Protein backbone atom coordinates (compact mmCIF):
# COMPACT_ATOMS: atom_id res chain seq x y z
CA MET A 1 0.41 -0.09 -0.06
CA ALA A 2 1.18 3.55 -0.38
CA THR A 3 1.19 5.19 2.71
CA GLN A 4 4.00 7.64 2.04
CA ARG A 5 4.03 9.77 -0.17
CA TRP A 6 5.43 10.20 -4.40
CA THR A 7 9.05 10.90 -4.05
CA CYS A 8 9.71 13.71 -7.26
CA GLU A 9 10.59 10.62 -10.09
CA GLN A 10 6.79 9.57 -8.99
CA ALA A 11 5.40 12.98 -9.94
CA TRP A 12 7.18 13.42 -12.76
CA GLU A 13 6.47 10.11 -14.16
CA TRP A 14 3.04 10.36 -14.20
CA GLN A 15 2.84 13.76 -15.48
CA LYS A 16 4.91 12.12 -18.92
CA LYS A 17 2.15 10.10 -19.05
CA ASN A 18 -0.52 12.35 -18.83
CA PRO A 19 -1.29 15.22 -21.46
CA TRP A 20 -1.36 18.75 -20.52
CA LEU A 21 -4.65 19.72 -18.13
CA ARG A 22 -6.38 22.41 -18.72
CA GLY A 23 -9.43 23.29 -17.88
CA CYS A 24 -11.80 25.24 -15.28
CA ASN A 25 -13.49 24.45 -12.63
CA PHE A 26 -16.70 23.90 -13.39
CA LEU A 27 -20.43 24.39 -11.60
CA PRO A 28 -23.43 24.85 -14.09
CA SER A 29 -24.74 27.57 -15.00
CA ASP A 30 -28.42 26.73 -13.67
CA CYS A 31 -26.96 26.83 -9.23
CA CYS A 32 -26.36 28.96 -7.55
CA ASN A 33 -23.65 26.74 -6.19
CA ARG A 34 -22.86 22.87 -4.84
CA ILE A 35 -25.50 21.97 -3.18
CA ALA A 36 -28.21 22.85 -6.11
CA LEU A 37 -25.26 19.95 -8.47
CA TRP A 38 -25.12 17.29 -6.00
CA GLN A 39 -28.12 16.84 -4.27
CA GLU A 40 -31.09 14.84 -5.81
CA LEU A 41 -33.89 18.50 -6.46
CA ASP A 42 -33.77 18.65 -9.64
CA PHE A 43 -30.52 16.32 -10.37
CA GLU A 44 -32.48 15.36 -13.35
CA LYS A 45 -32.96 18.90 -14.89
CA HIS A 46 -29.22 19.62 -14.12
CA LEU A 47 -27.50 17.08 -14.88
CA GLU A 48 -28.85 18.42 -18.99
CA THR A 49 -27.30 21.95 -18.46
CA CYS A 50 -24.01 20.27 -17.41
CA ARG A 51 -23.92 17.97 -20.72
CA ARG A 52 -24.73 20.70 -22.12
CA GLU A 53 -22.18 23.35 -21.10
CA LEU A 54 -19.79 19.80 -20.64
CA ALA A 55 -19.77 19.56 -24.48
CA LEU A 56 -18.87 23.28 -25.07
CA VAL A 57 -15.77 22.96 -22.24
CA ARG A 58 -14.43 20.04 -24.51
CA SER A 59 -15.09 22.19 -27.53
CA ILE A 60 -12.31 24.43 -27.36
CA GLY A 61 -9.61 22.47 -26.45
CA TYR A 62 -10.23 22.10 -22.76
CA ASN A 63 -9.81 18.66 -20.72
CA THR A 64 -11.20 18.71 -17.43
CA ILE A 65 -11.80 20.20 -15.14
CA ARG A 66 -12.34 20.75 -11.64
CA VAL A 67 -15.43 20.07 -8.87
CA ILE A 68 -16.22 20.98 -5.23
CA LEU A 69 -18.18 18.06 -3.51
CA GLU A 70 -20.91 19.34 -0.30
CA TYR A 71 -19.86 17.50 2.57
CA ILE A 72 -23.96 16.82 3.21
CA VAL A 73 -24.94 15.48 0.42
CA TYR A 74 -23.42 13.34 1.36
CA ALA A 75 -24.84 12.79 4.51
CA GLU A 76 -28.20 13.40 3.89
CA GLU A 77 -29.11 11.42 0.58
CA HIS A 78 -26.28 8.75 0.68
CA ASP A 79 -26.59 6.35 -1.60
CA SER A 80 -28.78 8.31 -4.05
CA PHE A 81 -25.16 10.99 -4.25
CA LEU A 82 -23.87 8.69 -5.11
CA GLU A 83 -25.39 7.53 -7.85
CA ARG A 84 -25.97 10.73 -9.02
CA PHE A 85 -22.30 11.75 -8.33
CA GLU A 86 -20.91 8.59 -11.17
CA ARG A 87 -23.77 9.14 -13.79
CA PHE A 88 -22.07 13.09 -13.74
CA LEU A 89 -18.82 11.30 -14.03
CA GLN A 90 -19.73 9.58 -17.66
CA VAL A 91 -20.80 12.90 -18.66
CA ALA A 92 -17.63 14.14 -18.27
CA ASP A 93 -16.42 10.57 -19.90
CA GLU A 94 -18.63 11.53 -22.66
CA ASN A 95 -16.96 14.52 -23.51
CA GLY A 96 -13.53 13.57 -23.09
CA LEU A 97 -12.84 15.16 -19.95
CA SER A 98 -11.76 14.00 -16.34
CA VAL A 99 -12.24 15.25 -12.67
CA MET A 100 -10.02 16.83 -10.58
CA VAL A 101 -12.52 16.25 -7.50
CA CYS A 102 -11.85 18.24 -3.79
CA PHE A 103 -13.28 17.67 -0.83
CA GLY A 104 -12.19 19.94 2.01
CA ASN A 105 -12.53 24.11 1.33
CA ASP A 106 -11.63 26.62 3.82
CA CYS A 107 -13.70 29.97 1.60
CA THR A 108 -16.05 29.92 4.57
CA VAL A 109 -17.66 31.95 6.54
CA PRO A 110 -18.56 32.62 10.58
CA LYS A 111 -21.45 31.39 12.19
CA ASN A 112 -22.61 34.80 13.18
CA ALA A 113 -25.93 36.76 12.77
CA ASN A 114 -25.34 36.72 8.46
CA TYR A 115 -24.79 32.74 8.83
CA ARG A 116 -26.87 30.59 6.61
CA ALA A 117 -26.75 27.17 7.23
CA PRO A 118 -26.37 24.20 4.66
CA HIS A 119 -29.15 23.21 4.18
CA ILE A 120 -30.49 20.42 1.72
CA GLY A 121 -34.04 21.73 -0.78
CA PRO A 122 -34.20 24.94 -2.74
CA GLN A 123 -31.29 26.98 -1.53
CA GLU A 124 -31.42 30.46 -1.51
CA TYR A 125 -28.46 32.82 -3.38
CA ASP A 126 -28.49 36.82 -3.23
CA TRP A 127 -28.46 38.74 -7.11
CA GLY A 128 -25.80 41.00 -7.10
CA TYR A 129 -23.71 39.64 -5.35
CA HIS A 130 -19.90 36.79 -5.79
CA GLY A 131 -21.34 32.90 -4.92
CA GLY A 132 -24.85 34.39 -4.98
CA ARG A 133 -24.35 35.35 -0.86
CA LYS A 134 -24.08 38.33 0.59
CA ASN A 135 -22.64 37.26 3.35
CA SER A 136 -18.90 35.44 1.45
CA PRO A 137 -15.85 33.95 2.25
CA HIS A 138 -14.73 36.97 -0.17
CA GLY A 139 -14.54 40.17 1.80
CA SER A 140 -17.72 40.19 3.70
CA ASN A 141 -16.87 39.51 7.53
CA PRO A 142 -12.39 40.31 6.91
CA ASP A 143 -11.64 39.61 11.09
CA ALA A 144 -13.84 36.96 11.61
CA ILE A 145 -12.69 33.63 11.42
CA GLY A 146 -14.54 30.78 9.01
CA TYR A 147 -16.41 28.02 10.27
CA SER A 148 -15.43 24.78 8.78
CA ILE A 149 -17.00 21.57 9.46
CA LEU A 150 -14.24 19.79 10.66
CA ASP A 151 -13.71 21.46 13.48
CA GLU A 152 -17.07 19.56 15.17
CA PRO A 153 -15.35 15.98 15.63
CA ASP A 154 -19.42 14.47 15.49
CA LEU A 155 -19.69 16.07 11.76
CA ALA A 156 -15.81 15.66 11.02
CA GLU A 157 -16.66 11.12 11.66
CA ILE A 158 -19.37 11.59 8.32
CA PHE A 159 -16.56 13.56 6.36
CA PHE A 160 -13.36 11.53 6.69
CA ASN A 161 -15.95 8.92 5.54
CA MET A 162 -17.21 11.05 2.25
CA VAL A 163 -13.56 11.15 1.20
CA ARG A 164 -12.47 7.62 2.11
CA GLU A 165 -15.45 6.27 0.43
CA LEU A 166 -15.31 8.05 -2.89
CA VAL A 167 -11.18 7.50 -2.44
CA THR A 168 -11.21 3.63 -2.01
CA ARG A 169 -14.29 3.63 -4.58
CA TYR A 170 -12.68 5.57 -7.55
CA ARG A 171 -8.98 4.56 -6.28
CA GLU A 172 -7.80 3.17 -9.78
CA ASP A 173 -10.46 5.13 -11.93
CA LYS A 174 -9.09 7.08 -15.27
CA ARG A 175 -12.35 9.24 -15.35
CA ILE A 176 -10.39 11.07 -12.01
CA CYS A 177 -7.38 12.48 -12.81
CA ILE A 178 -6.28 14.17 -9.54
CA TRP A 179 -7.63 14.13 -6.03
CA ASP A 180 -7.59 17.47 -5.16
CA LEU A 181 -7.92 17.25 -1.50
CA PHE A 182 -8.50 20.77 0.65
CA ASN A 183 -8.79 24.19 -1.28
CA GLU A 184 -7.35 26.78 0.33
CA ALA A 185 -6.15 25.85 3.35
CA GLY A 186 -5.81 28.40 6.20
CA ASN A 187 -8.25 31.26 4.45
CA ASN A 188 -10.50 33.45 5.89
CA ASN A 189 -8.15 33.61 8.82
CA ARG A 190 -7.78 29.47 9.85
CA GLY A 191 -3.98 29.91 9.57
CA GLU A 192 -3.43 27.24 11.84
CA ILE A 193 -5.94 25.91 12.64
CA SER A 194 -7.15 24.03 9.77
CA ALA A 195 -3.29 22.20 9.93
CA PRO A 196 -4.78 19.05 11.35
CA HIS A 197 -8.00 19.04 9.15
CA VAL A 198 -4.96 19.13 6.37
CA GLN A 199 -2.85 15.60 7.09
CA ARG A 200 -5.25 13.69 8.59
CA ILE A 201 -7.46 14.04 4.88
CA PHE A 202 -3.83 13.12 2.92
CA ASP A 203 -4.05 10.35 5.48
CA THR A 204 -6.98 9.23 4.97
CA ALA A 205 -7.27 9.37 1.45
CA ARG A 206 -3.23 8.21 0.93
CA ALA A 207 -4.48 4.81 3.08
CA CYS A 208 -6.68 3.85 -0.04
CA ASP A 209 -3.80 3.34 -2.34
CA PRO A 210 -4.97 5.97 -5.26
CA VAL A 211 -3.35 5.32 -8.88
CA GLN A 212 -3.89 9.25 -8.69
CA PRO A 213 -2.04 11.75 -7.12
CA LEU A 214 -2.97 14.47 -4.25
CA THR A 215 -2.78 17.19 -3.84
CA SER A 216 -4.13 20.72 -2.34
CA CYS A 217 -3.06 24.02 -2.92
CA VAL A 218 -0.93 26.50 -1.72
CA TRP A 219 -2.59 30.32 -2.15
CA HIS A 220 -1.68 33.97 -0.44
CA ASP A 221 1.57 33.88 -1.53
CA CYS A 222 4.17 32.08 -2.74
CA LYS A 223 6.78 32.73 0.04
CA ASP A 224 5.21 33.59 3.94
CA PHE A 225 2.04 30.38 3.61
CA PHE A 226 0.40 29.33 6.78
CA ARG A 227 1.17 26.41 8.82
CA SER A 228 -2.10 24.62 6.58
CA GLU A 229 -1.16 25.39 3.63
CA GLN A 230 2.79 23.47 4.62
CA VAL A 231 1.25 20.95 5.53
CA ALA A 232 -0.94 20.58 2.12
CA LEU A 233 2.37 20.96 0.06
CA GLU A 234 4.13 18.75 2.25
CA ASN A 235 2.21 15.81 1.61
CA SER A 236 1.70 16.59 -2.11
CA ASP A 237 2.54 14.25 -4.73
CA ILE A 238 2.51 17.77 -7.66
CA VAL A 239 2.31 21.06 -6.72
CA SER A 240 -0.32 22.83 -6.70
CA TYR A 241 -1.61 26.50 -5.67
CA HIS A 242 -3.69 29.25 -6.66
CA CYS A 243 -3.11 32.54 -8.29
CA TYR A 244 -5.56 35.11 -9.46
CA GLY A 245 -1.99 38.10 -9.92
CA ASP A 246 -1.17 39.76 -13.42
CA TYR A 247 1.32 38.56 -15.12
CA LEU A 248 4.38 39.47 -13.08
CA THR A 249 3.08 37.35 -10.45
CA ASN A 250 2.12 33.87 -11.80
CA VAL A 251 5.83 34.43 -13.36
CA ARG A 252 7.13 34.71 -9.64
CA PHE A 253 4.64 32.57 -8.35
CA ILE A 254 5.51 29.28 -11.57
CA ALA A 255 9.25 29.85 -10.61
CA GLU A 256 8.84 29.57 -6.84
CA MET A 257 6.68 27.05 -7.17
CA ARG A 258 9.30 25.39 -9.59
CA LYS A 259 12.34 25.18 -6.65
CA TYR A 260 9.89 21.99 -4.92
CA ASN A 261 10.77 19.78 -8.45
CA ARG A 262 7.49 17.80 -8.61
CA PRO A 263 4.90 18.98 -11.38
CA LEU A 264 2.77 22.30 -11.21
CA LEU A 265 -1.44 22.56 -11.45
CA ASN A 266 -2.49 26.64 -10.72
CA THR A 267 -5.90 25.82 -9.83
CA GLU A 268 -7.50 28.63 -9.45
CA TRP A 269 -6.88 31.42 -11.88
CA LEU A 270 -8.06 34.23 -14.25
CA HIS A 271 -8.94 37.50 -12.26
CA ARG A 272 -9.62 39.98 -15.34
CA PRO A 273 -10.24 43.72 -13.32
CA PHE A 274 -7.01 41.76 -11.30
CA HIS A 275 -5.21 41.88 -14.89
CA ASP A 276 -5.03 38.13 -15.00
CA THR A 277 -5.99 37.83 -18.61
CA VAL A 278 -6.26 34.68 -21.04
CA GLU A 279 -4.28 36.41 -23.03
CA GLU A 280 -1.36 36.08 -21.10
CA MET A 281 -2.13 33.39 -18.79
CA PHE A 282 -2.95 30.38 -20.84
CA PRO A 283 -0.30 30.79 -23.30
CA LEU A 284 1.95 31.50 -20.20
CA PHE A 285 1.02 27.84 -19.06
CA TYR A 286 1.02 26.58 -22.33
CA LEU A 287 4.79 27.66 -21.95
CA GLU A 288 5.21 26.62 -18.63
CA LYS A 289 3.61 23.37 -18.34
CA VAL A 290 1.74 24.54 -15.26
CA SER A 291 -1.56 22.55 -16.32
CA CYS A 292 -5.12 25.07 -14.98
CA TRP A 293 -8.13 25.70 -14.34
CA ASN A 294 -9.48 29.33 -14.96
CA TRP A 295 -12.51 29.63 -12.38
CA GLY A 296 -16.23 30.00 -13.83
CA PHE A 297 -17.41 28.72 -16.79
CA VAL A 298 -20.50 29.92 -18.51
CA ALA A 299 -22.31 32.98 -16.34
CA GLY A 300 -25.48 31.37 -14.38
CA LEU A 301 -26.75 31.76 -10.73
CA SER A 302 -23.67 31.56 -9.12
CA GLN A 303 -22.94 35.14 -10.20
CA THR A 304 -18.88 34.72 -10.03
CA TYR A 305 -18.48 37.28 -12.79
CA GLU A 306 -19.38 39.64 -10.59
CA PRO A 307 -16.30 40.90 -8.14
CA TRP A 308 -15.44 39.73 -4.52
CA GLU A 309 -17.26 42.30 -2.21
CA SER A 310 -13.44 42.74 -1.01
CA MET A 311 -12.44 45.01 -4.31
CA TRP A 312 -16.00 46.77 -3.02
CA ARG A 313 -14.29 47.64 -0.31
CA ARG A 314 -11.21 48.64 -1.08
CA ILE A 315 -13.17 51.06 -3.71
CA ASP A 316 -15.16 52.65 -0.90
CA ALA A 317 -11.68 53.41 0.79
CA GLY A 318 -10.68 55.13 -2.53
CA GLU A 319 -7.19 52.53 -3.39
CA GLY A 320 -9.21 50.47 -6.20
CA GLU A 321 -7.32 52.32 -8.46
CA ASP A 322 -5.78 49.02 -10.19
CA ILE A 323 -9.22 47.04 -10.15
CA ASP A 324 -11.22 47.07 -12.96
CA VAL A 325 -14.47 45.87 -12.64
CA THR A 326 -16.19 47.47 -16.21
CA LYS A 327 -15.04 43.96 -16.90
CA TRP A 328 -15.76 40.06 -15.52
CA GLN A 329 -14.85 38.55 -13.24
CA HIS A 330 -14.44 34.83 -13.55
CA ASP A 331 -16.44 33.00 -16.47
CA LEU A 332 -16.07 32.36 -20.23
CA PHE A 333 -18.79 32.31 -21.56
CA ARG A 334 -22.72 34.74 -21.71
CA PRO A 335 -25.78 32.94 -19.91
CA SER A 336 -26.72 32.89 -24.39
CA LEU A 337 -23.23 30.42 -24.79
CA HIS A 338 -21.64 33.79 -26.68
CA PRO A 339 -18.14 33.92 -25.40
CA TYR A 340 -17.90 36.89 -23.28
CA ASP A 341 -15.11 37.99 -25.07
CA PRO A 342 -14.25 35.15 -28.31
CA LYS A 343 -10.87 36.93 -28.83
CA GLU A 344 -10.42 34.17 -25.28
CA ILE A 345 -12.04 31.81 -26.78
CA ARG A 346 -9.62 32.34 -30.09
CA ILE A 347 -6.00 31.34 -27.75
CA ILE A 348 -7.79 28.94 -25.65
CA LYS A 349 -7.77 26.93 -28.75
CA GLU A 350 -4.79 27.87 -30.00
CA PHE A 351 -2.99 26.78 -27.69
CA SER A 352 -4.69 23.41 -26.38
CA ALA A 353 -4.51 22.12 -30.50
CA LEU A 354 -1.18 23.06 -30.14
CA ALA A 355 -0.62 20.98 -27.07
CA ASP A 356 -2.59 18.27 -28.69
CA ALA A 357 -0.01 18.25 -31.41
CA ASP A 358 2.70 18.47 -29.32
CA TRP A 359 1.34 14.83 -27.35
CA ALA A 360 0.59 13.28 -30.89
CA ARG A 361 4.54 14.00 -31.31
CA GLN A 362 5.54 12.98 -27.86
CA GLN A 363 3.58 9.70 -28.26
CA GLY A 364 5.05 8.66 -31.13
C-alpha cells in the first residue's frame, strides 16, 4: 500500500503519462451553489445543463474540469448522491473530460448573525453578489474566523467517511485525474486551525492507495505560507497553487514553486479586474507546462462574474484604482453560450491545439 508521498521521480513519471491538463472549475449555470448540483432536487434538469455546457467545455480544447463536493449531500442523501456522482462522471467522460475532485474547503464564513446554514432543498441566492451570497467568504467578514464542519468531531467523521468511501471506490478510475483534497487551507483567518484537518485528509486518502496523485493548494503568497498550507505542500504528490495576480505575479509564483521539483498545477486563475487574463496567462501556462483550471465557465446563478466584496471595500475606501470592475471577474461564456470575449476562446483553442500536437508527437 502506497502510504507515503510520491517521490519526485514518481510525480514526473505521472506527468509524462498525461497530456497538458487545462480546463475550468465547473458549476452548471443553473446552480447557485454546489448543493444545488449534487442534491436530488432538480438533478435531472441540472444534469441536462451539464451535458450542454460540458460539451462546450470540450469544444474549446479543454480536457478536464475541477469540481468541489458538499458533505451535507453525502450525509443526508448518501445512496442517491453516489449514484448522481457516478452519472456526472459519465457525462464528463462522454465529453472527453477528466475530473479533479476536491473535498475540503476553507472558503467559509463565520457563524455570525448573517450565517446561512447549508441545507438540502431549494437554495437561496442573492443577486448582484459574487457566488450568489451577500455574506460571502470573499471579504464580507474580514476579521472573523470562518466556520468549518471539521472543527466539530461528529460532522468531521461524516466528512472523512466521504473521503474514504469515494477515494476507495474510484482509486483506479481513469475518469478521475487528481484528488484535490483541500481547497485553500487556512483561508478566512483559519491560519493554523485547519492544519490538523489537512494532515488527516491526506492520511485518509493515502490509506486508500489511489493511483491518482493527491494534492492541496497553496494560495495566499508564494513564499509566506500559513501552517495549513505548509502541511498541504509537504504532503502533496504534485504541487498545486492558486494565483489570481497579474502576469508578473504569476511568473514569480511559478518560479518559486519550481523549487519543489514537482509538476505544477494552477487550480484557480482568471481574474480580469486584477489583470489576470486569458491573453497573457493561458500561453504562459502552455509554455511552462503548468496544468490550469480557470474559475467559472458559463455565467449563471452563482454570479462569479461579479467582484469579490473585498474589492468593493477597497474601492469604497478610495484604494481600488488598480481594479478594473468594468470587466467580468470570472467565467468565459455568457448565458446565451456566446463567448464573453471571442478573442479569449480563440487563444484557448489555439494553444490547446498546440498542446495536443505536442502530445501526439510525444506519443509517437
